[in-house]
Every structure is written in structure tokens, then in C-alpha cells.
Amino acid sequence: MKFKFHHMNLCSENVQRLSEFYRSVFELGSLDYARVNTDDGYGGAVDFLTDGAIEFHLARRDVDLAFRMKHAINPLDRGHYCFRTDDIEAFKRRLEDKKIPYSDYGTWAMAGWYQIFFHDPDGNIIEVHQTGK
């Protein structure tokens, strides 16, 4: 099972303002991803930026997302950071073996991305996802 740091997600009430800040200060470029929107999911503003190696996902804060999706972990309240893996099922088993609870969001937000979210010991939210799912 391989891992690669993939992105940092920052949440804001004003995605455009945040995006303009990061674009102008760090000269970040844009990415274009296909998103999945459902009636009970997340349809908020998102901007995807990159420095060419690391991605920054800027999303409208949604404090009720986990409630609507019936999950314990809300990745769009305070934000999160993300690792990409090549074997999400093996990683889920690893978390289960270590008795680390996680929220399995499946392919709820990004087309072709299978996402899970969990907390580190200090309450920071971590996403791990696999593409092609």
C-alpha cells in the first residue's frame, strides 16, 4: 500500500476571497475536477489550486454536512489534509485493526475518488482516498 500527500483543504465562508488571496500571494494555478453533487450532499463553492506539486482545495464551510450525510466526521467544518493511496480497502482494514473509527463517505464528492475521513489523536481530520473507484 502506497501513500502520497495529496492536498490541504481549507474551509471559508468566502471561497472567492480565499482563492484570490492564495492565487495572488503564492501565484497558484487552477485545477479542474469533476464534482458529484447530490441533494443531501455538498454543492457549495469549491476552488482547486496547485503549486504544481501540492493541491489546495478551498471549500465553503458546511457545519451541517456530517449530520446530513449521517456521519460522525465533518471534513468541511474546519478543513482537513489528505493522502492518496492505491489500496483504500487495505487502509480501512489497517484502521479497523488499530481500532481507529472512520467515516466512509465513498464517492460522495469527487467523481472517481473513494474517500474516508478520520481523526488523529488531537482531533485533526485526515482524508485518505483512492482514485478510479
C-alpha atoms as a PDB file:
ATOM      1  CA  MET A   1       0.000   0.000   0.000  1.00  0.00           C
ATOM      2  CA  LYS A   2       1.476   3.342  -1.056  1.00  0.00           C
ATOM      3  CA  PHE A   3       0.715   6.840   0.212  1.00  0.00           C
ATOM      4  CA  LYS A   4       1.354  10.294  -1.162  1.00  0.00           C
ATOM      5  CA  PHE A   5       0.401  13.607   0.406  1.00  0.00           C
ATOM      6  CA  HIS A   6      -2.247  14.962  -1.932  1.00  0.00           C
ATOM      7  CA  HIS A   7      -3.942  18.129  -0.692  1.00  0.00           C
ATOM      8  CA  MET A   8      -4.835  20.516   2.092  1.00  0.00           C
ATOM      9  CA  ASN A   9      -8.493  21.509   2.357  1.00  0.00           C
ATOM     10  CA  LEU A  10      -9.286  24.924   3.826  1.00  0.00           C
ATOM     11  CA  CYS A  11     -12.846  25.971   4.644  1.00  0.00           C
ATOM     12  CA  SER A  12     -14.166  29.501   4.362  1.00  0.00           C
ATOM     13  CA  GLU A  13     -17.375  31.487   4.327  1.00  0.00           C
ATOM     14  CA  ASN A  14     -15.950  33.322   1.289  1.00  0.00           C
ATOM     15  CA  VAL A  15     -14.193  30.940  -1.121  1.00  0.00           C
ATOM     16  CA  GLN A  16     -13.598  33.625  -3.756  1.00  0.00           C
ATOM     17  CA  ARG A  17     -11.787  35.894  -1.278  1.00  0.00           C
ATOM     18  CA  LEU A  18      -9.659  32.999  -0.010  1.00  0.00           C
ATOM     19  CA  SER A  19      -8.875  31.856  -3.548  1.00  0.00           C
ATOM     20  CA  GLU A  20      -7.825  35.343  -4.651  1.00  0.00           C
ATOM     21  CA  PHE A  21      -5.527  35.580  -1.618  1.00  0.00           C
ATOM     22  CA  TYR A  22      -3.723  32.279  -2.326  1.00  0.00           C
ATOM     23  CA  ARG A  23      -3.567  32.924  -6.070  1.00  0.00           C
ATOM     24  CA  SER A  24      -2.044  36.390  -5.663  1.00  0.00           C
ATOM     25  CA  VAL A  25       0.331  35.706  -2.758  1.00  0.00           C
ATOM     26  CA  PHE A  26       1.628  32.324  -3.922  1.00  0.00           C
ATOM     27  CA  GLU A  27       0.862  32.515  -7.669  1.00  0.00           C
ATOM     28  CA  LEU A  28      -1.066  29.246  -7.566  1.00  0.00           C
ATOM     29  CA  GLY A  29      -2.663  27.818 -10.691  1.00  0.00           C
ATOM     30  CA  SER A  30      -6.092  26.275 -11.165  1.00  0.00           C
ATOM     31  CA  LEU A  31      -7.223  22.663 -11.413  1.00  0.00           C
ATOM     32  CA  ASP A  32     -10.469  21.437 -12.895  1.00  0.00           C
ATOM     33  CA  TYR A  33     -12.090  18.443 -11.208  1.00  0.00           C
ATOM     34  CA  ALA A  34     -15.434  16.813 -11.861  1.00  0.00           C
ATOM     35  CA  ARG A  35     -17.557  17.033  -8.736  1.00  0.00           C
ATOM     36  CA  VAL A  36     -20.506  14.929  -7.652  1.00  0.00           C
ATOM     37  CA  ASN A  37     -23.485  16.848  -6.285  1.00  0.00           C
ATOM     38  CA  THR A  38     -26.411  15.168  -4.591  1.00  0.00           C
ATOM     39  CA  ASP A  39     -29.485  16.581  -2.928  1.00  0.00           C
ATOM     40  CA  ASP A  40     -28.254  15.616   0.532  1.00  0.00           C
ATOM     41  CA  GLY A  41     -24.548  16.059  -0.221  1.00  0.00           C
ATOM     42  CA  TYR A  42     -22.372  19.079  -0.744  1.00  0.00           C
ATOM     43  CA  GLY A  43     -22.986  21.583  -3.518  1.00  0.00           C
ATOM     44  CA  GLY A  44     -21.038  24.510  -2.074  1.00  0.00           C
ATOM     45  CA  ALA A  45     -18.444  26.644  -3.804  1.00  0.00           C
ATOM     46  CA  VAL A  46     -15.041  24.978  -4.189  1.00  0.00           C
ATOM     47  CA  ASP A  47     -11.866  26.148  -5.887  1.00  0.00           C
ATOM     48  CA  PHE A  48      -8.968  23.808  -6.641  1.00  0.00           C
ATOM     49  CA  LEU A  49      -5.487  25.366  -6.701  1.00  0.00           C
ATOM     50  CA  THR A  50      -1.979  23.975  -7.096  1.00  0.00           C
ATOM     51  CA  ASP A  51       1.642  24.973  -6.951  1.00  0.00           C
ATOM     52  CA  GLY A  52       2.369  22.198  -9.454  1.00  0.00           C
ATOM     53  CA  ALA A  53       3.019  19.557  -6.781  1.00  0.00           C
ATOM     54  CA  ILE A  54       0.586  20.045  -3.899  1.00  0.00           C
ATOM     55  CA  GLU A  55      -3.103  20.848  -4.223  1.00  0.00           C
ATOM     56  CA  PHE A  56      -5.171  23.246  -2.153  1.00  0.00           C
ATOM     57  CA  HIS A  57      -8.920  22.656  -2.052  1.00  0.00           C
ATOM     58  CA  LEU A  58     -10.797  25.733  -0.888  1.00  0.00           C
ATOM     59  CA  ALA A  59     -14.371  24.937   0.082  1.00  0.00           C
ATOM     60  CA  ARG A  60     -17.359  26.743   1.518  1.00  0.00           C
ATOM     61  CA  ARG A  61     -17.659  25.820   5.193  1.00  0.00           C
ATOM     62  CA  ASP A  62     -20.598  23.489   5.833  1.00  0.00           C
ATOM     63  CA  VAL A  63     -21.090  22.800   9.540  1.00  0.00           C
ATOM     64  CA  ASP A  64     -24.102  20.528   8.897  1.00  0.00           C
ATOM     65  CA  LEU A  65     -22.566  18.214   6.285  1.00  0.00           C
ATOM     66  CA  ALA A  66     -21.893  15.267   8.604  1.00  0.00           C
ATOM     67  CA  PHE A  67     -25.415  15.499  10.029  1.00  0.00           C
ATOM     68  CA  ARG A  68     -26.986  15.444   6.557  1.00  0.00           C
ATOM     69  CA  MET A  69     -24.726  12.611   5.395  1.00  0.00           C
ATOM     70  CA  LYS A  70     -25.240  10.645   8.655  1.00  0.00           C
ATOM     71  CA  HIS A  71     -21.529  10.565   9.506  1.00  0.00           C
ATOM     72  CA  ALA A  72     -19.634  11.342  12.684  1.00  0.00           C
ATOM     73  CA  ILE A  73     -16.820  13.259  10.954  1.00  0.00           C
ATOM     74  CA  ASN A  74     -17.308  16.535   9.082  1.00  0.00           C
ATOM     75  CA  PRO A  75     -14.446  17.283   6.649  1.00  0.00           C
ATOM     76  CA  LEU A  76     -15.943  20.668   5.690  1.00  0.00           C
ATOM     77  CA  ASP A  77     -16.162  22.390   9.042  1.00  0.00           C
ATOM     78  CA  ARG A  78     -12.525  23.091   9.928  1.00  0.00           C
ATOM     79  CA  GLY A  79     -10.905  21.521   6.873  1.00  0.00           C
ATOM     80  CA  HIS A  80      -8.581  18.554   6.574  1.00  0.00           C
ATOM     81  CA  TYR A  81      -5.465  17.248   4.926  1.00  0.00           C
ATOM     82  CA  CYS A  82      -5.329  14.305   2.563  1.00  0.00           C
ATOM     83  CA  PHE A  83      -3.225  11.365   1.490  1.00  0.00           C
ATOM     84  CA  ARG A  84      -3.868   9.376  -1.688  1.00  0.00           C
ATOM     85  CA  THR A  85      -3.460   5.602  -1.562  1.00  0.00           C
ATOM     86  CA  ASP A  86      -3.502   2.811  -4.098  1.00  0.00           C
ATOM     87  CA  ASP A  87      -5.479   0.440  -1.826  1.00  0.00           C
ATOM     88  CA  ILE A  88      -8.291   2.037   0.177  1.00  0.00           C
ATOM     89  CA  GLU A  89      -9.693  -1.328   1.309  1.00  0.00           C
ATOM     90  CA  ALA A  90      -6.376  -2.380   2.844  1.00  0.00           C
ATOM     91  CA  PHE A  91      -6.118   1.000   4.541  1.00  0.00           C
ATOM     92  CA  LYS A  92      -9.621   0.669   6.012  1.00  0.00           C
ATOM     93  CA  ARG A  93      -8.590  -2.741   7.421  1.00  0.00           C
ATOM     94  CA  ARG A  94      -5.499  -1.117   8.937  1.00  0.00           C
ATOM     95  CA  LEU A  95      -7.661   1.474  10.704  1.00  0.00           C
ATOM     96  CA  GLU A  96     -10.035  -1.250  11.906  1.00  0.00           C
ATOM     97  CA  ASP A  97      -7.106  -3.337  13.224  1.00  0.00           C
ATOM     98  CA  LYS A  98      -5.899  -0.276  15.144  1.00  0.00           C
ATOM     99  CA  LYS A  99      -9.473   0.426  16.346  1.00  0.00           C
ATOM    100  CA  ILE A 100      -9.461   3.872  14.723  1.00  0.00           C
ATOM    101  CA  PRO A 101     -13.017   4.839  13.770  1.00  0.00           C
ATOM    102  CA  TYR A 102     -13.574   6.430  10.373  1.00  0.00           C
ATOM    103  CA  SER A 103     -16.379   7.826   8.259  1.00  0.00           C
ATOM    104  CA  ASP A 104     -16.692   6.110   4.890  1.00  0.00           C
ATOM    105  CA  TYR A 105     -18.025   8.769   2.505  1.00  0.00           C
ATOM    106  CA  GLY A 106     -17.475   6.619  -0.580  1.00  0.00           C
ATOM    107  CA  THR A 107     -17.678   8.622  -3.811  1.00  0.00           C
ATOM    108  CA  TRP A 108     -19.884  11.417  -2.445  1.00  0.00           C
ATOM    109  CA  ALA A 109     -17.970  14.499  -3.580  1.00  0.00           C
ATOM    110  CA  MET A 110     -15.375  13.911  -6.269  1.00  0.00           C
ATOM    111  CA  ALA A 111     -16.024  11.822  -9.358  1.00  0.00           C
ATOM    112  CA  GLY A 112     -13.862   8.707  -9.196  1.00  0.00           C
ATOM    113  CA  TRP A 113     -12.495   9.375  -5.685  1.00  0.00           C
ATOM    114  CA  TYR A 114     -13.371   6.954  -2.863  1.00  0.00           C
ATOM    115  CA  GLN A 115     -12.917   8.945   0.371  1.00  0.00           C
ATOM    116  CA  ILE A 116     -12.709   8.096   4.058  1.00  0.00           C
ATOM    117  CA  PHE A 117     -12.119  10.533   6.922  1.00  0.00           C
ATOM    118  CA  PHE A 118     -10.826  10.009  10.456  1.00  0.00           C
ATOM    119  CA  HIS A 119      -9.267  11.949  13.344  1.00  0.00           C
ATOM    120  CA  ASP A 120      -5.680  11.965  14.548  1.00  0.00           C
ATOM    121  CA  PRO A 121      -5.155  11.916  18.350  1.00  0.00           C
ATOM    122  CA  ASP A 122      -5.544  15.728  18.512  1.00  0.00           C
ATOM    123  CA  GLY A 123      -8.802  15.839  16.545  1.00  0.00           C
ATOM    124  CA  ASN A 124      -7.368  16.945  13.191  1.00  0.00           C
ATOM    125  CA  ILE A 125      -9.276  15.451  10.283  1.00  0.00           C
ATOM    126  CA  ILE A 126      -7.412  13.295   7.779  1.00  0.00           C
ATOM    127  CA  GLU A 127      -8.772  12.165   4.431  1.00  0.00           C
ATOM    128  CA  VAL A 128      -7.427   9.133   2.622  1.00  0.00           C
ATOM    129  CA  HIS A 129      -8.746   8.475  -0.853  1.00  0.00           C
ATOM    130  CA  GLN A 130      -8.203   6.213  -3.825  1.00  0.00           C
ATOM    131  CA  THR A 131      -8.926   7.246  -7.391  1.00  0.00           C
ATOM    132  CA  GLY A 132     -10.525   5.081 -10.034  1.00  0.00           C
ATOM    133  CA  LYS A 133     -13.297   3.839  -7.744  1.00  0.00           C
END
